[in-house]
Amino acid sequence: MLKEDQLNQLKKALDPYLPVLGKATDAILDQEVSDYPIFILTNEIANIGIPLVDELKTMEDWSINASSLEEFSTKQVIQSGRVEDFRSIYKDAKDNFCLFIMEKGEAQFVFIPRSN
């Protein structure tokens, strides 16, 4: 779990990319791709999601990919038996971004408020 200072650093680093995340969220929801968009932030190679922000144009060596709960389930990132548990903790995508942060072999989900 991210500490408050780490979360604040993350929010600050993501600030220039929030409009991109917002547009991607809206597209995923409006086109009924998923009710559960997930953004992967990684400094590793991610074989999941669609690239939104290339590591060469973003926060140091980070890339941002767009995905969904359905893809996470299909690729067994979230086991099928845990999908309902995830849905129960998922925060409304109209108000929050769901981030899956992969760094140094570790991964965690973080929700940050969506700025409009």
Protein backbone atom coordinates (compact mmCIF):
# COMPACT_ATOMS: atom_id res chain seq x y z
CA MET A 1 0.00 0.00 0.00
CA LEU A 2 1.31 3.42 -0.91
CA LYS A 3 2.08 5.80 1.91
CA GLU A 4 0.43 9.22 1.76
CA ASP A 5 3.61 10.99 0.60
CA GLN A 6 4.10 8.39 -2.15
CA LEU A 7 0.49 8.82 -3.23
CA ASN A 8 0.92 12.60 -3.37
CA GLN A 9 4.09 12.18 -5.48
CA LEU A 10 2.21 9.85 -7.81
CA LYS A 11 -0.67 12.32 -8.22
CA LYS A 12 1.79 15.12 -8.97
CA ALA A 13 3.69 13.03 -11.53
CA LEU A 14 0.45 11.96 -13.21
CA ASP A 15 -1.03 15.45 -13.36
CA PRO A 16 0.00 16.14 -16.99
CA TYR A 17 -1.50 12.79 -18.06
CA LEU A 18 -4.85 13.04 -16.27
CA PRO A 19 -6.62 14.46 -19.36
CA VAL A 20 -5.43 11.43 -21.37
CA LEU A 21 -6.64 9.06 -18.65
CA GLY A 22 -9.95 10.92 -18.50
CA LYS A 23 -10.52 10.65 -22.26
CA ALA A 24 -9.59 6.97 -22.22
CA THR A 25 -11.94 6.32 -19.29
CA ASP A 26 -14.79 8.11 -21.05
CA ALA A 27 -14.17 6.14 -24.26
CA ILE A 28 -14.09 2.81 -22.40
CA LEU A 29 -17.33 3.64 -20.56
CA ASP A 30 -19.16 5.33 -23.48
CA GLN A 31 -18.33 2.54 -25.94
CA GLU A 32 -19.39 -0.01 -23.32
CA VAL A 33 -16.03 -1.76 -23.50
CA SER A 34 -16.06 -2.14 -19.72
CA ASP A 35 -17.49 -0.62 -16.57
CA TYR A 36 -14.11 -1.24 -14.93
CA PRO A 37 -11.26 0.57 -16.71
CA ILE A 38 -7.80 -0.03 -15.27
CA PHE A 39 -4.63 1.92 -16.08
CA ILE A 40 -1.32 0.12 -15.85
CA LEU A 41 1.63 2.26 -14.76
CA THR A 42 4.87 0.41 -15.19
CA ASN A 43 8.56 0.79 -15.67
CA GLU A 44 8.66 -2.82 -16.86
CA ILE A 45 7.40 -4.45 -20.03
CA ALA A 46 3.64 -4.89 -19.74
CA ASN A 47 1.95 -7.47 -21.91
CA ILE A 48 -1.47 -6.18 -21.00
CA GLY A 49 -3.52 -3.23 -22.12
CA ILE A 50 -3.22 -0.71 -24.91
CA PRO A 51 -0.36 1.79 -24.69
CA LEU A 52 -1.57 5.32 -23.92
CA VAL A 53 1.63 7.05 -22.92
CA ASP A 54 5.03 5.87 -24.07
CA GLU A 55 7.85 5.77 -21.52
CA LEU A 56 9.87 8.18 -23.66
CA LYS A 57 7.22 10.87 -23.25
CA THR A 58 6.24 10.38 -19.63
CA MET A 59 7.38 10.43 -16.04
CA GLU A 60 11.00 9.32 -16.32
CA ASP A 61 10.83 5.70 -17.49
CA TRP A 62 7.13 4.97 -16.93
CA SER A 63 4.57 3.82 -19.46
CA ILE A 64 0.79 3.95 -19.11
CA ASN A 65 -1.49 1.34 -20.67
CA ALA A 66 -5.29 1.18 -20.65
CA SER A 67 -6.99 -2.09 -19.79
CA SER A 68 -10.09 -3.43 -18.07
CA LEU A 69 -11.20 -5.87 -15.43
CA GLU A 70 -12.25 -8.23 -18.19
CA GLU A 71 -8.72 -8.33 -19.67
CA PHE A 72 -7.20 -8.71 -16.20
CA SER A 73 -9.50 -11.70 -15.62
CA THR A 74 -8.84 -13.23 -19.05
CA LYS A 75 -5.08 -12.95 -18.53
CA GLN A 76 -5.39 -14.26 -14.95
CA VAL A 77 -3.92 -11.11 -13.37
CA ILE A 78 -7.09 -11.27 -11.29
CA GLN A 79 -8.22 -14.86 -10.81
CA SER A 80 -11.78 -15.55 -11.97
CA GLY A 81 -12.80 -16.42 -8.40
CA ARG A 82 -11.67 -12.97 -7.24
CA VAL A 83 -13.49 -10.86 -9.86
CA GLU A 84 -16.51 -10.20 -7.63
CA ASP A 85 -14.21 -9.22 -4.76
CA PHE A 86 -12.51 -6.73 -7.07
CA ARG A 87 -15.84 -5.33 -8.25
CA SER A 88 -16.86 -4.75 -4.64
CA ILE A 89 -13.81 -2.56 -3.92
CA TYR A 90 -13.70 -0.84 -7.32
CA LYS A 91 -14.47 2.87 -7.05
CA ASP A 92 -16.77 4.53 -9.60
CA ALA A 93 -14.77 5.26 -12.78
CA LYS A 94 -16.65 8.52 -13.26
CA ASP A 95 -15.03 9.81 -10.05
CA ASN A 96 -11.78 7.83 -9.72
CA PHE A 97 -8.98 6.29 -11.75
CA CYS A 98 -8.02 2.71 -11.00
CA LEU A 99 -4.26 2.34 -11.32
CA PHE A 100 -2.33 -0.92 -11.39
CA ILE A 101 1.23 0.03 -10.51
CA MET A 102 3.95 -2.43 -11.49
CA GLU A 103 7.43 -1.68 -10.21
CA LYS A 104 10.44 -3.82 -9.36
CA GLY A 105 8.50 -7.07 -9.58
CA GLU A 106 5.73 -5.84 -7.29
CA ALA A 107 2.24 -4.71 -8.22
CA GLN A 108 -0.64 -3.03 -6.46
CA PHE A 109 -3.95 -1.36 -7.19
CA VAL A 110 -4.42 2.30 -6.24
CA PHE A 111 -7.44 4.54 -6.73
CA ILE A 112 -6.96 8.27 -7.18
CA PRO A 113 -9.67 10.91 -7.54
CA ARG A 114 -10.44 11.90 -11.09
CA SER A 115 -10.04 15.60 -11.78
CA ASN A 116 -12.63 17.06 -14.10
